[in-house]
């Protein structure tokens, strides 16, 4: 017969076991999903530090720790930057941040925002980009992924070893172009466009593979550009160019989430996040510009009249792009008109 003392001991052991099981279940519930976020910039660069980490931290907090986002900068999961979109499609990574133009021709309509002198400021252009993404490309070009954000950076510009003030100054230079449209413009103006992803720019400049590059101010400190070139050319009114970005999630991974965790993702994605991301990148231009100024670099700011000369020189690029879109069954001129109208509408 079991004594009263033994019964109490058994009851106590059962309570401890139940409590332990409860703790284990609670612990298991605390982190239900781990997502891998993959991108091409160093962790200390502005986009990871000020946008992607802020977004990921908010997701983790709003999910009460049930979503954990592991961050992999500098292509740590392998591959090259142009492969990031396919990594999201194939599930190599759960979420990727990438430049849409790294795969030229794959998402042709988005190139409308990359045309020369289309953009005024990043918040206006990012808002226009998201609205046109939802209207034109969400269920067509991007149907294989779940897009969390779509935005552009601050004004793209020239950073060169020799000064660039007029289109003729580019003649004979080897310039890393930021997009297909800018590469076309470089060729039109007598420069040699060189294709390379952003992380390759420092080596390209230091080894003389390129004489300059097109990037916005904000990324220059992370790439040591002000130490590798001494001239910077910025424009008034409209930017030389911008790149289009997306934060893309594997579609199956998103669909596999319970509804409450999908809501956490949804509440932190979309239009407002896209405006925040584009605006944050542009806000980082000023401090980066100051670094170059403090180093005594030559910053050339072209006024509206000088910028107009460049705009006129870029018109053939618009004509080529519209013809290319027409050949694909896309009304390129209509996209240009729509993008310009929306950007103008949202520009302060």
Protein backbone atom coordinates (compact mmCIF):
# COMPACT_ATOMS: atom_id res chain seq x y z
CA UNK A 1 0.00 0.00 0.00
CA UNK A 2 1.25 3.50 -0.85
CA UNK A 3 1.64 5.66 2.25
CA UNK A 4 0.29 9.17 2.54
CA UNK A 5 3.86 10.52 2.44
CA UNK A 6 4.57 8.63 -0.81
CA UNK A 7 1.33 9.90 -2.30
CA UNK A 8 2.37 13.45 -1.49
CA UNK A 9 5.80 12.84 -2.98
CA UNK A 10 4.24 11.44 -6.16
CA UNK A 11 1.83 14.35 -6.38
CA UNK A 12 4.68 16.79 -5.94
CA UNK A 13 6.72 15.06 -8.63
CA UNK A 14 3.76 15.11 -10.99
CA UNK A 15 3.25 18.81 -10.36
CA UNK A 16 6.91 19.52 -11.06
CA UNK A 17 6.72 17.44 -14.22
CA UNK A 18 3.59 19.25 -15.36
CA UNK A 19 5.15 22.59 -14.59
CA UNK A 20 8.28 21.63 -16.52
CA UNK A 21 6.17 20.48 -19.43
CA UNK A 22 4.32 23.78 -19.32
CA UNK A 23 7.58 25.72 -19.36
CA UNK A 24 8.78 23.63 -22.30
CA UNK A 25 5.55 24.21 -24.21
CA UNK A 26 5.69 27.93 -23.49
CA UNK A 27 9.31 28.03 -24.63
CA UNK A 28 8.44 26.17 -27.83
CA UNK A 29 5.57 28.56 -28.50
CA UNK A 30 7.74 31.62 -27.88
CA UNK A 31 9.63 31.19 -31.12
CA UNK A 32 7.50 29.54 -33.73
CA UNK A 33 9.20 30.79 -36.88
CA UNK A 34 12.79 31.65 -37.80
CA UNK A 35 13.25 33.57 -41.04
CA UNK A 36 16.52 34.08 -42.92
CA UNK A 37 16.99 37.61 -44.28
CA UNK A 38 19.70 37.81 -46.95
CA UNK A 39 21.17 40.91 -48.60
CA UNK A 40 24.34 42.16 -50.26
CA UNK A 41 25.58 45.10 -48.15
CA UNK A 42 27.80 44.98 -45.04
CA UNK A 43 25.83 44.95 -41.79
CA UNK A 44 27.06 48.44 -40.87
CA UNK A 45 25.79 50.05 -44.10
CA UNK A 46 22.80 52.38 -43.84
CA UNK A 47 20.16 50.13 -45.39
CA UNK A 48 20.78 47.15 -43.07
CA UNK A 49 21.36 49.36 -40.02
CA UNK A 50 18.59 51.93 -40.46
CA UNK A 51 15.93 50.05 -42.44
CA UNK A 52 16.22 46.26 -42.50
CA UNK A 53 17.26 45.85 -38.86
CA UNK A 54 14.59 48.34 -37.73
CA UNK A 55 11.97 46.40 -39.70
CA UNK A 56 13.16 43.00 -38.45
CA UNK A 57 13.34 44.17 -34.82
CA UNK A 58 9.78 45.50 -35.10
CA UNK A 59 8.55 42.18 -36.51
CA UNK A 60 10.18 40.30 -33.64
CA UNK A 61 8.74 42.68 -31.02
CA UNK A 62 5.22 42.77 -32.48
CA UNK A 63 5.13 38.98 -32.68
CA UNK A 64 6.12 38.70 -28.99
CA UNK A 65 9.19 36.76 -30.04
CA UNK A 66 7.29 34.16 -32.05
CA UNK A 67 9.08 35.34 -35.20
CA UNK A 68 12.87 35.48 -35.15
CA UNK A 69 14.69 36.99 -38.11
CA UNK A 70 18.29 35.91 -38.65
CA UNK A 71 20.16 38.52 -40.70
CA UNK A 72 22.79 37.53 -43.28
CA UNK A 73 24.63 40.55 -44.74
CA UNK A 74 27.24 40.59 -47.52
CA UNK A 75 25.83 37.52 -49.31
CA UNK A 76 26.74 35.24 -46.38
CA UNK A 77 24.32 32.57 -47.58
CA UNK A 78 26.26 32.36 -50.83
CA UNK A 79 25.64 33.37 -54.41
CA UNK A 80 25.92 36.76 -56.08
CA UNK A 81 23.63 39.81 -55.68
CA UNK A 82 21.83 39.18 -59.01
CA UNK A 83 20.78 35.76 -57.64
CA UNK A 84 18.94 37.13 -54.60
CA UNK A 85 15.50 37.21 -56.20
CA UNK A 86 15.77 33.57 -57.23
CA UNK A 87 16.94 32.74 -53.71
CA UNK A 88 13.65 34.15 -52.44
CA UNK A 89 11.68 32.24 -55.07
CA UNK A 90 13.49 28.96 -54.36
CA UNK A 91 13.55 29.29 -50.56
CA UNK A 92 17.33 29.52 -50.20
CA UNK A 93 16.49 32.60 -48.16
CA UNK A 94 13.10 33.41 -46.68
CA UNK A 95 13.43 37.17 -47.24
CA UNK A 96 15.79 39.11 -49.52
CA UNK A 97 16.49 42.77 -50.11
CA UNK A 98 17.69 43.36 -53.64
CA UNK A 99 18.02 45.76 -56.54
CA UNK A 100 15.34 44.95 -59.11
CA UNK A 101 17.67 45.99 -61.94
CA UNK A 102 20.24 43.35 -61.02
CA UNK A 103 18.26 41.12 -63.39
CA UNK A 104 17.77 43.41 -66.43
CA UNK A 105 14.63 42.73 -68.45
CA UNK A 106 13.03 40.49 -65.83
CA UNK A 107 10.87 43.26 -64.34
CA UNK A 108 10.77 45.70 -67.26
CA UNK A 109 8.00 48.04 -66.13
CA UNK A 110 9.77 49.03 -62.90
CA UNK A 111 12.54 50.56 -65.01
CA UNK A 112 10.30 53.59 -65.54
CA UNK A 113 11.52 54.90 -62.17
CA UNK A 114 15.15 54.36 -63.17
CA UNK A 115 14.97 56.58 -66.25
CA UNK A 116 17.25 59.64 -66.11
CA UNK A 117 15.87 62.66 -64.26
CA UNK A 118 12.56 60.98 -63.43
CA UNK A 119 12.87 61.24 -59.66
CA UNK A 120 12.44 64.33 -57.46
CA UNK A 121 12.75 62.90 -53.94
CA UNK A 122 12.76 59.40 -52.51
CA UNK A 123 9.53 59.65 -50.52
CA UNK A 124 7.49 60.83 -53.50
CA UNK A 125 9.04 58.33 -55.89
CA UNK A 126 8.73 55.44 -53.41
CA UNK A 127 5.04 56.18 -52.89
CA UNK A 128 4.49 56.30 -56.64
CA UNK A 129 6.51 53.10 -57.10
CA UNK A 130 4.47 51.16 -54.51
CA UNK A 131 1.17 52.32 -55.99
CA UNK A 132 2.23 51.32 -59.50
CA UNK A 133 3.62 48.02 -58.19
CA UNK A 134 0.24 47.14 -56.72
CA UNK A 135 -1.61 48.24 -59.85
CA UNK A 136 0.63 46.82 -62.58
CA UNK A 137 3.20 44.29 -61.33
CA UNK A 138 2.11 42.60 -58.10
CA UNK A 139 0.22 39.77 -59.78
CA UNK A 140 2.30 39.60 -62.95
CA UNK A 141 6.02 40.33 -62.78
CA UNK A 142 6.27 39.59 -59.03
CA UNK A 143 3.74 36.77 -58.76
CA UNK A 144 6.38 34.26 -57.61
CA UNK A 145 7.23 36.15 -54.41
CA UNK A 146 5.44 38.08 -51.67
CA UNK A 147 6.64 41.69 -51.81
CA UNK A 148 6.94 43.42 -48.43
CA UNK A 149 8.24 46.78 -49.63
CA UNK A 150 9.22 48.59 -52.82
CA UNK A 151 11.20 51.82 -52.77
CA UNK A 152 13.96 53.94 -54.31
CA UNK A 153 17.03 55.58 -52.80
CA UNK A 154 17.98 59.26 -52.70
CA UNK A 155 19.33 61.07 -55.77
CA UNK A 156 21.85 59.05 -57.75
CA UNK A 157 24.87 61.04 -58.94
CA UNK A 158 28.43 60.83 -60.24
CA UNK A 159 31.50 60.16 -58.09
CA UNK A 160 34.57 60.39 -60.30
CA UNK A 161 38.34 60.74 -60.28
CA UNK A 162 38.20 63.66 -62.73
CA UNK A 163 35.56 66.45 -62.56
CA UNK A 164 32.27 66.01 -64.43
CA UNK A 165 30.18 69.12 -65.06
CA UNK A 166 28.97 68.72 -68.66
CA UNK A 167 27.94 65.65 -70.66
CA UNK A 168 31.13 66.03 -72.74
CA UNK A 169 33.23 65.52 -69.60
CA UNK A 170 32.18 61.87 -69.52
CA UNK A 171 33.66 61.11 -72.91
CA UNK A 172 36.25 58.35 -72.65
CA UNK A 173 35.56 57.60 -68.98
CA UNK A 174 34.81 54.12 -67.64
CA UNK A 175 31.83 54.53 -65.31
CA UNK A 176 30.01 51.96 -63.24
CA UNK A 177 26.37 52.52 -64.15
CA UNK A 178 23.62 51.99 -61.63
CA UNK A 179 20.95 50.76 -64.03
CA UNK A 180 20.28 49.66 -67.58
CA UNK A 181 18.97 53.15 -68.43
CA UNK A 182 22.02 54.89 -66.99
CA UNK A 183 24.31 52.51 -68.88
CA UNK A 184 22.48 53.53 -72.05
CA UNK A 185 22.94 57.21 -71.16
CA UNK A 186 26.65 56.68 -70.49
CA UNK A 187 27.06 55.08 -73.91
CA UNK A 188 25.06 57.89 -75.53
CA UNK A 189 27.45 60.44 -74.00
CA UNK A 190 30.64 58.67 -75.04
CA UNK A 191 31.53 56.95 -71.77
CA UNK A 192 32.08 53.23 -71.32
CA UNK A 193 29.51 51.73 -68.95
CA UNK A 194 30.85 49.03 -66.66
CA UNK A 195 28.43 46.68 -64.95
CA UNK A 196 29.27 45.67 -61.40
CA UNK A 197 27.31 45.24 -58.15
CA UNK A 198 27.71 47.85 -55.43
CA UNK A 199 30.09 45.79 -53.23
CA UNK A 200 32.62 45.61 -56.11
CA UNK A 201 32.90 49.41 -56.49
CA UNK A 202 35.85 49.98 -54.07
CA UNK A 203 38.03 47.40 -55.79
CA UNK A 204 36.99 48.67 -59.21
CA UNK A 205 38.04 52.22 -58.29
CA UNK A 206 41.26 51.27 -56.54
CA UNK A 207 42.43 49.04 -59.39
CA UNK A 208 41.45 51.49 -62.14
CA UNK A 209 38.82 49.20 -63.62
CA UNK A 210 36.49 52.21 -63.46
CA UNK A 211 37.10 55.96 -63.38
CA UNK A 212 33.96 56.66 -61.42
CA UNK A 213 30.60 55.35 -60.34
CA UNK A 214 26.95 56.33 -60.05
CA UNK A 215 25.53 55.86 -56.55
CA UNK A 216 23.66 58.03 -54.04
CA UNK A 217 25.54 59.83 -51.28
CA UNK A 218 24.31 57.60 -48.49
CA UNK A 219 26.21 54.47 -49.47
CA UNK A 220 29.54 56.22 -50.14
CA UNK A 221 30.98 55.99 -46.61
CA UNK A 222 30.48 52.22 -46.36
CA UNK A 223 32.27 51.83 -49.71
CA UNK A 224 35.07 54.33 -48.88
CA UNK A 225 34.22 56.21 -52.08
CA UNK A 226 35.28 59.68 -50.80
CA UNK A 227 38.74 58.20 -50.20
CA UNK A 228 38.95 56.72 -53.69
CA UNK A 229 37.68 59.67 -55.77
CA UNK A 230 37.86 63.43 -55.27
CA UNK A 231 34.96 64.69 -57.40
CA UNK A 232 31.21 64.43 -56.88
CA UNK A 233 28.53 65.78 -59.25
CA UNK A 234 24.99 66.41 -58.03
CA UNK A 235 21.99 67.84 -59.88
CA UNK A 236 19.22 70.31 -59.06
CA UNK A 237 15.50 69.45 -59.16
CA UNK A 238 15.52 65.94 -60.58
CA UNK A 239 18.05 63.22 -59.78
CA UNK A 240 20.34 61.75 -62.41
CA UNK A 241 18.76 58.39 -61.62
CA UNK A 242 17.56 56.06 -58.88
CA UNK A 243 17.46 52.29 -58.47
CA UNK A 244 14.35 50.35 -57.56
CA UNK A 245 14.52 47.99 -54.57
CA UNK A 246 12.22 45.31 -53.21
CA UNK A 247 12.06 43.44 -49.94
CA UNK A 248 10.75 40.09 -51.13
CA UNK A 249 9.61 37.04 -49.16
CA UNK A 250 9.32 33.43 -50.24
CA UNK A 251 5.65 33.00 -51.10
CA UNK A 252 5.24 29.53 -49.56
CA UNK A 253 6.91 30.64 -46.33
CA UNK A 254 4.55 33.61 -46.06
CA UNK A 255 1.49 31.47 -46.82
CA UNK A 256 2.57 28.91 -44.19
CA UNK A 257 2.38 31.45 -41.37
CA UNK A 258 -0.64 31.43 -39.05
CA UNK A 259 -3.01 34.32 -39.66
CA UNK A 260 -1.90 36.30 -36.60
CA UNK A 261 1.76 36.19 -37.69
CA UNK A 262 0.81 37.09 -41.26
CA UNK A 263 -0.89 40.13 -39.77
CA UNK A 264 2.33 41.10 -37.98
CA UNK A 265 4.17 40.93 -41.31
CA UNK A 266 1.40 42.80 -43.15
CA UNK A 267 1.11 45.55 -40.53
CA UNK A 268 4.81 46.33 -40.95
CA UNK A 269 4.92 46.15 -44.75
CA UNK A 270 3.43 47.91 -47.74
CA UNK A 271 3.03 51.58 -48.60
CA UNK A 272 4.06 53.22 -45.33
CA UNK A 273 7.09 50.97 -44.92
CA UNK A 274 8.14 51.71 -48.51
CA UNK A 275 7.92 55.47 -47.92
CA UNK A 276 9.85 55.08 -44.65
CA UNK A 277 12.58 53.04 -46.36
CA UNK A 278 13.04 55.42 -49.29
CA UNK A 279 12.94 58.47 -47.04
CA UNK A 280 15.42 56.97 -44.58
CA UNK A 281 17.90 56.31 -47.36
CA UNK A 282 17.60 59.87 -48.64
CA UNK A 283 17.90 61.29 -45.11
CA UNK A 284 21.28 59.56 -44.88
CA UNK A 285 22.60 61.49 -47.90
CA UNK A 286 23.37 64.64 -45.91
CA UNK A 287 25.73 63.11 -43.32
CA UNK A 288 27.49 61.12 -46.05
CA UNK A 289 27.91 64.25 -48.18
CA UNK A 290 29.42 66.04 -45.20
CA UNK A 291 32.12 63.38 -44.93
CA UNK A 292 33.27 64.14 -48.49
CA UNK A 293 33.09 67.88 -47.82
CA UNK A 294 35.17 67.53 -44.63
CA UNK A 295 37.79 65.66 -46.63
CA UNK A 296 38.07 68.63 -49.00
CA UNK A 297 36.65 66.80 -51.99
CA UNK A 298 35.31 68.78 -54.95
CA UNK A 299 31.48 68.78 -54.83
CA UNK A 300 29.99 70.11 -58.07
CA UNK A 301 26.35 71.16 -57.74
CA UNK A 302 24.79 71.82 -61.13
CA UNK A 303 22.05 74.47 -61.11
CA UNK A 304 18.70 74.12 -62.87
CA UNK A 305 20.04 75.52 -66.16
CA UNK A 306 23.06 73.21 -66.16
CA UNK A 307 20.86 70.26 -65.19
CA UNK A 308 18.57 71.03 -68.14
CA UNK A 309 21.48 70.38 -70.50
CA UNK A 310 21.78 66.87 -69.08
CA UNK A 311 18.01 66.34 -69.29
CA UNK A 312 18.06 67.25 -72.97
CA UNK A 313 20.94 64.85 -73.55
CA UNK A 314 18.94 62.03 -71.93
CA UNK A 315 15.89 62.25 -74.21
CA UNK A 316 17.12 59.53 -76.60
CA UNK A 317 17.13 57.13 -73.63
CA UNK A 318 13.40 57.73 -73.13
CA UNK A 319 12.74 57.07 -76.81
CA UNK A 320 14.78 53.86 -76.75
CA UNK A 321 13.02 52.67 -73.60
CA UNK A 322 9.53 53.32 -74.95
CA UNK A 323 10.41 51.43 -78.14
CA UNK A 324 11.81 48.54 -76.08
CA UNK A 325 8.67 48.39 -73.93
CA UNK A 326 6.45 48.54 -77.01
CA UNK A 327 8.31 45.53 -78.41
CA UNK A 328 7.36 43.64 -75.22
CA UNK A 329 3.71 44.61 -75.48
CA UNK A 330 4.00 47.22 -72.71
CA UNK A 331 2.81 50.80 -73.15
CA UNK A 332 6.02 52.48 -72.04
CA UNK A 333 4.84 56.03 -72.65
CA UNK A 334 1.76 55.44 -70.49
CA UNK A 335 4.00 54.22 -67.65
CA UNK A 336 6.20 57.30 -67.99
CA UNK A 337 3.19 59.61 -67.92
CA UNK A 338 1.70 57.83 -64.90
CA UNK A 339 4.97 57.81 -62.95
CA UNK A 340 5.61 61.50 -63.66
CA UNK A 341 2.07 62.44 -62.61
CA UNK A 342 2.29 60.50 -59.33
CA UNK A 343 5.77 61.77 -58.48
CA UNK A 344 4.69 65.34 -59.13
CA UNK A 345 1.56 64.79 -57.05
CA UNK A 346 3.53 63.51 -54.05
CA UNK A 347 6.49 65.87 -54.26
CA UNK A 348 6.43 68.45 -51.47
